[in-house]
Amino acid sequence: MADDKSPIDDELAGTEQPFVQHLIELRDRLLYSAYGIGAIFALLVFYPGPSALYDLLAMPLVKTLPAGSHMIAVGVVSPFLVPIKVSVLAAFGVALPWVLYQVWAFVAPGLYKHERRLVIPLVVASTLLFYTGAAFCYFFVFGQAFPAIQKMAPTSVAVSPDIDAYLDFVITMFIAFGVAFEVPIAVVILARMRIVTVEQLKSFRAYFVVAAAAVAGLVTPPDPVSMLALLAPMVVLYECGIWAAAFFIKHTQAPEDEEATTKPV
């Protein structure tokens, strides 16, 4: 009897592993990720050191404080714990490509070739976009927002931000801008999964701008510069996502889909 299985069915034939083997593989990948983060954390503690890392993180705010003002530590152990937290977060950020590689190494054996053509570019692009969003927030948004906030402070108020509260604010902003810059990735995934079409994405432009403006108003400081600084990239990245979605749909089709589109009607 002739074998009627399609090539895509045969591609992963014989690659199944016992459930326990998957758990062992997952454990190993988590350990490798932890080792990478730990190694970078040790390097950062040695040089430049937790205090220097926090000083670098606080620089955009410190430059805008009135003369004679300083940041304060309300908690008893905050001067020690907060810089350590910064070092851990910095280690995770630097090790993010290594962590994502471990994720990729775990899931890749279960993916078809056409799926790998989609996943690898998306993993690389999402990492770079997140870094870009965080860097944009640090170098541009903070430089515009903090002076505006200081100008709004009443003259009767001594501005002395708490180091722990500042860290929480910075983390929230980094995550907000990093996730906002992932708009093209979300658009590509939605289109590739056929939840929406490229034409529908084009027709949703006006709704997206309104939704993006609402998000920007919620997550940014209460000044128009910060809001526009998040809104404008999101709109541009949405347009980039529409273009990327059309490209990926064309170049990451399953073999049976490619045959269907090439068969004469």
Protein backbone atom coordinates (compact mmCIF):
# COMPACT_ATOMS: atom_id res chain seq x y z
CA MET A 1 0.00 0.00 0.00
CA ALA A 2 1.39 3.39 -0.95
CA ASP A 3 2.26 5.75 1.81
CA ASP A 4 -0.22 8.66 1.67
CA LYS A 5 1.42 10.79 4.35
CA SER A 6 2.41 14.27 3.31
CA PRO A 7 6.06 15.45 3.59
CA ILE A 8 5.19 17.66 6.54
CA ASP A 9 3.87 14.62 8.42
CA ASP A 10 7.12 12.75 7.86
CA GLU A 11 9.36 15.65 8.85
CA LEU A 12 9.00 15.03 12.61
CA ALA A 13 8.45 11.29 12.39
CA GLY A 14 10.49 9.39 14.97
CA THR A 15 11.43 12.48 16.98
CA GLU A 16 8.96 11.85 19.83
CA GLN A 17 10.50 11.55 23.30
CA PRO A 18 9.08 10.34 26.62
CA PHE A 19 7.50 12.96 28.86
CA VAL A 20 10.21 12.49 31.49
CA GLN A 21 12.84 13.23 28.84
CA HIS A 22 11.10 16.53 28.09
CA LEU A 23 11.16 17.43 31.79
CA ILE A 24 14.87 16.66 31.99
CA GLU A 25 15.52 18.79 28.92
CA LEU A 26 13.44 21.65 30.41
CA ARG A 27 15.36 21.42 33.68
CA ASP A 28 18.69 21.56 31.85
CA ARG A 29 17.64 24.60 29.81
CA LEU A 30 16.45 26.43 32.93
CA LEU A 31 19.75 25.65 34.66
CA TYR A 32 21.75 26.88 31.67
CA SER A 33 19.73 30.11 31.71
CA ALA A 34 20.30 30.53 35.45
CA TYR A 35 24.03 29.88 35.04
CA GLY A 36 24.27 32.54 32.35
CA ILE A 37 22.41 35.12 34.43
CA GLY A 38 24.48 34.23 37.51
CA ALA A 39 27.77 34.58 35.63
CA ILE A 40 26.86 38.02 34.30
CA PHE A 41 25.58 39.05 37.74
CA ALA A 42 28.95 38.10 39.27
CA LEU A 43 30.77 40.14 36.63
CA LEU A 44 28.54 43.16 37.21
CA VAL A 45 29.03 42.95 40.98
CA PHE A 46 32.78 42.90 40.44
CA TYR A 47 32.71 45.70 37.84
CA PRO A 48 31.27 48.29 37.74
CA GLY A 49 29.53 47.31 40.99
CA PRO A 50 25.91 47.59 42.20
CA SER A 51 26.26 51.19 43.41
CA ALA A 52 27.72 52.35 40.11
CA LEU A 53 24.93 50.61 38.21
CA TYR A 54 22.29 52.37 40.30
CA ASP A 55 24.05 55.72 39.82
CA LEU A 56 23.93 55.12 36.07
CA LEU A 57 20.24 54.24 36.24
CA ALA A 58 19.46 57.31 38.35
CA MET A 59 21.50 59.73 36.24
CA PRO A 60 18.57 61.10 34.16
CA LEU A 61 16.72 62.05 37.36
CA VAL A 62 19.70 63.25 39.39
CA LYS A 63 20.66 65.73 36.67
CA THR A 64 17.27 67.43 37.00
CA LEU A 65 17.16 67.71 40.80
CA PRO A 66 17.51 71.20 42.29
CA ALA A 67 20.92 72.17 43.61
CA GLY A 68 21.56 70.61 46.99
CA SER A 69 18.85 67.93 46.58
CA HIS A 70 19.63 64.23 46.66
CA MET A 71 17.78 60.96 46.42
CA ILE A 72 16.94 59.33 49.73
CA ALA A 73 16.59 55.79 51.11
CA VAL A 74 13.56 55.36 53.35
CA GLY A 75 14.07 51.68 54.15
CA VAL A 76 16.76 50.53 56.55
CA VAL A 77 18.32 48.07 54.10
CA SER A 78 17.35 49.91 50.91
CA PRO A 79 20.87 51.29 50.29
CA PHE A 80 22.05 47.67 50.05
CA LEU A 81 19.09 45.83 48.50
CA VAL A 82 18.11 48.30 45.80
CA PRO A 83 21.51 48.31 44.03
CA ILE A 84 21.53 44.50 44.23
CA LYS A 85 18.10 44.45 42.57
CA VAL A 86 19.46 46.68 39.82
CA SER A 87 22.39 44.31 39.31
CA VAL A 88 20.07 41.30 39.03
CA LEU A 89 17.83 43.07 36.53
CA ALA A 90 20.83 44.25 34.52
CA ALA A 91 22.22 40.71 34.49
CA PHE A 92 18.92 39.36 33.20
CA GLY A 93 18.77 42.07 30.54
CA VAL A 94 22.30 41.35 29.32
CA ALA A 95 21.69 37.58 29.40
CA LEU A 96 18.32 37.82 27.61
CA PRO A 97 19.70 36.58 24.25
CA TRP A 98 21.21 33.55 26.01
CA VAL A 99 17.92 32.85 27.83
CA LEU A 100 15.95 33.11 24.58
CA TYR A 101 18.42 30.78 22.90
CA GLN A 102 17.71 28.19 25.60
CA VAL A 103 13.99 28.59 24.96
CA TRP A 104 14.59 28.16 21.25
CA ALA A 105 16.77 25.07 21.80
CA PHE A 106 13.98 23.50 23.87
CA VAL A 107 11.14 24.07 21.40
CA ALA A 108 13.01 23.82 18.07
CA PRO A 109 12.98 19.99 17.81
CA GLY A 110 9.17 20.06 17.83
CA LEU A 111 8.83 22.64 15.05
CA TYR A 112 8.54 22.12 11.31
CA LYS A 113 10.98 23.77 8.95
CA HIS A 114 8.50 26.42 7.84
CA GLU A 115 7.74 27.23 11.49
CA ARG A 116 11.44 27.66 12.26
CA ARG A 117 11.68 30.17 9.42
CA LEU A 118 9.14 32.26 11.32
CA VAL A 119 10.32 31.75 14.91
CA ILE A 120 14.02 32.59 14.54
CA PRO A 121 13.49 36.08 13.00
CA LEU A 122 10.71 36.83 15.51
CA VAL A 123 12.89 35.89 18.50
CA VAL A 124 15.78 38.03 17.27
CA ALA A 125 13.51 40.93 16.32
CA SER A 126 11.56 40.86 19.58
CA THR A 127 14.80 40.98 21.59
CA LEU A 128 16.18 43.91 19.61
CA LEU A 129 12.86 45.76 19.76
CA PHE A 130 12.63 45.36 23.54
CA TYR A 131 16.18 46.69 23.95
CA THR A 132 15.37 49.57 21.61
CA GLY A 133 12.25 50.47 23.58
CA ALA A 134 14.09 50.47 26.91
CA ALA A 135 16.98 52.52 25.46
CA PHE A 136 14.55 55.00 23.89
CA CYS A 137 12.88 55.41 27.27
CA TYR A 138 16.17 55.96 29.12
CA PHE A 139 17.93 58.27 26.70
CA PHE A 140 15.02 60.30 25.33
CA VAL A 141 11.85 60.01 27.41
CA PHE A 142 13.50 60.42 30.81
CA GLY A 143 15.49 63.37 29.51
CA GLN A 144 12.26 65.11 28.50
CA ALA A 145 9.91 63.94 31.26
CA PHE A 146 11.96 64.55 34.41
CA PRO A 147 12.66 68.26 33.74
CA ALA A 148 8.97 68.78 32.99
CA ILE A 149 7.97 67.04 36.21
CA GLN A 150 10.43 69.11 38.26
CA LYS A 151 8.99 72.34 36.83
CA MET A 152 5.53 71.27 38.02
CA ALA A 153 6.69 70.79 41.62
CA PRO A 154 5.51 73.52 44.05
CA THR A 155 8.25 75.73 45.42
CA SER A 156 7.28 74.69 48.95
CA VAL A 157 8.13 71.04 48.22
CA ALA A 158 11.65 69.67 48.62
CA VAL A 159 12.14 67.11 45.84
CA SER A 160 14.01 64.09 47.25
CA PRO A 161 12.85 60.90 45.50
CA ASP A 162 13.17 57.55 47.28
CA ILE A 163 15.60 55.17 45.58
CA ASP A 164 13.23 52.18 45.86
CA ALA A 165 10.26 54.11 44.43
CA TYR A 166 12.45 55.36 41.59
CA LEU A 167 13.53 51.81 40.75
CA ASP A 168 9.89 50.67 40.62
CA PHE A 169 9.06 53.59 38.33
CA VAL A 170 11.97 52.88 36.00
CA ILE A 171 11.15 49.18 35.75
CA THR A 172 7.53 50.00 34.92
CA MET A 173 8.60 52.45 32.23
CA PHE A 174 11.17 50.08 30.72
CA ILE A 175 8.59 47.28 30.53
CA ALA A 176 5.96 49.64 29.10
CA PHE A 177 8.22 50.93 26.33
CA GLY A 178 9.81 47.53 25.72
CA VAL A 179 6.40 45.88 25.31
CA ALA A 180 5.07 48.80 23.25
CA PHE A 181 7.93 48.36 20.80
CA GLU A 182 6.80 44.73 20.30
CA VAL A 183 3.80 45.92 18.28
CA PRO A 184 5.22 44.58 14.96
CA ILE A 185 5.74 41.14 16.51
CA ALA A 186 2.14 41.02 17.75
CA VAL A 187 0.85 42.13 14.35
CA VAL A 188 2.89 39.48 12.51
CA ILE A 189 1.76 36.69 14.86
CA LEU A 190 -1.92 37.67 14.60
CA ALA A 191 -1.72 37.79 10.82
CA ARG A 192 0.30 34.57 10.50
CA MET A 193 -2.17 32.70 12.73
CA ARG A 194 -4.94 34.01 10.44
CA ILE A 195 -6.76 35.70 13.30
CA VAL A 196 -6.79 38.85 11.18
CA THR A 197 -5.80 39.55 7.59
CA VAL A 198 -3.40 42.19 6.32
CA GLU A 199 -6.31 44.08 4.79
CA GLN A 200 -8.12 44.09 8.14
CA LEU A 201 -4.99 45.39 9.85
CA LYS A 202 -4.90 48.27 7.39
CA SER A 203 -8.55 49.08 8.08
CA PHE A 204 -7.90 49.05 11.87
CA ARG A 205 -5.38 51.93 11.71
CA ALA A 206 -7.68 54.55 13.20
CA TYR A 207 -8.79 52.25 16.04
CA PHE A 208 -5.18 51.38 16.82
CA VAL A 209 -4.19 55.04 17.08
CA VAL A 210 -6.98 55.65 19.59
CA ALA A 211 -6.05 52.55 21.63
CA ALA A 212 -2.35 53.44 21.52
CA ALA A 213 -3.10 56.98 22.72
CA ALA A 214 -5.07 55.57 25.66
CA VAL A 215 -2.24 53.21 26.59
CA ALA A 216 0.36 55.97 26.27
CA GLY A 217 -1.70 58.24 28.52
CA LEU A 218 -1.95 55.53 31.19
CA VAL A 219 1.66 54.34 31.38
CA THR A 220 3.65 57.55 30.85
CA PRO A 221 4.22 60.48 33.22
CA PRO A 222 1.59 63.25 33.10
CA ASP A 223 3.20 65.36 30.39
CA PRO A 224 2.42 65.51 26.66
CA VAL A 225 6.05 64.94 25.59
CA SER A 226 6.22 61.51 27.22
CA MET A 227 2.82 60.53 25.85
CA LEU A 228 3.75 61.50 22.29
CA ALA A 229 7.14 59.84 22.70
CA LEU A 230 5.36 56.52 23.22
CA LEU A 231 2.44 57.09 20.85
CA ALA A 232 4.48 58.05 17.77
CA PRO A 233 6.75 54.94 17.77
CA MET A 234 3.75 52.66 18.34
CA VAL A 235 1.98 54.06 15.28
CA VAL A 236 5.12 53.78 13.14
CA LEU A 237 5.79 50.25 14.39
CA TYR A 238 2.20 49.25 13.61
CA GLU A 239 2.78 50.23 9.99
CA CYS A 240 6.06 48.27 10.01
CA GLY A 241 4.17 45.30 11.44
CA ILE A 242 1.67 45.37 8.55
CA TRP A 243 4.51 45.27 6.04
CA ALA A 244 6.32 42.53 7.97
CA ALA A 245 3.14 40.46 8.25
CA ALA A 246 2.69 40.40 4.48
CA PHE A 247 6.35 39.41 4.06
CA PHE A 248 6.26 36.59 6.63
CA ILE A 249 2.96 35.18 5.40
CA LYS A 250 4.48 34.89 1.94
CA HIS A 251 7.76 33.28 3.04
CA THR A 252 6.69 31.01 5.93
CA GLN A 253 3.85 29.03 4.44
CA ALA A 254 3.52 25.32 5.14
CA PRO A 255 4.36 23.06 2.18
CA GLU A 256 0.72 22.12 1.58
CA ASP A 257 -0.25 25.81 1.58
CA GLU A 258 2.49 26.58 -0.95
CA GLU A 259 1.25 23.77 -3.20
CA ALA A 260 -2.31 25.06 -2.93
CA THR A 261 -1.30 28.57 -3.93
CA THR A 262 0.81 27.39 -6.89
CA LYS A 263 -1.75 24.92 -8.34
CA PRO A 264 -3.58 26.29 -11.39
CA VAL A 265 -7.25 26.94 -10.90
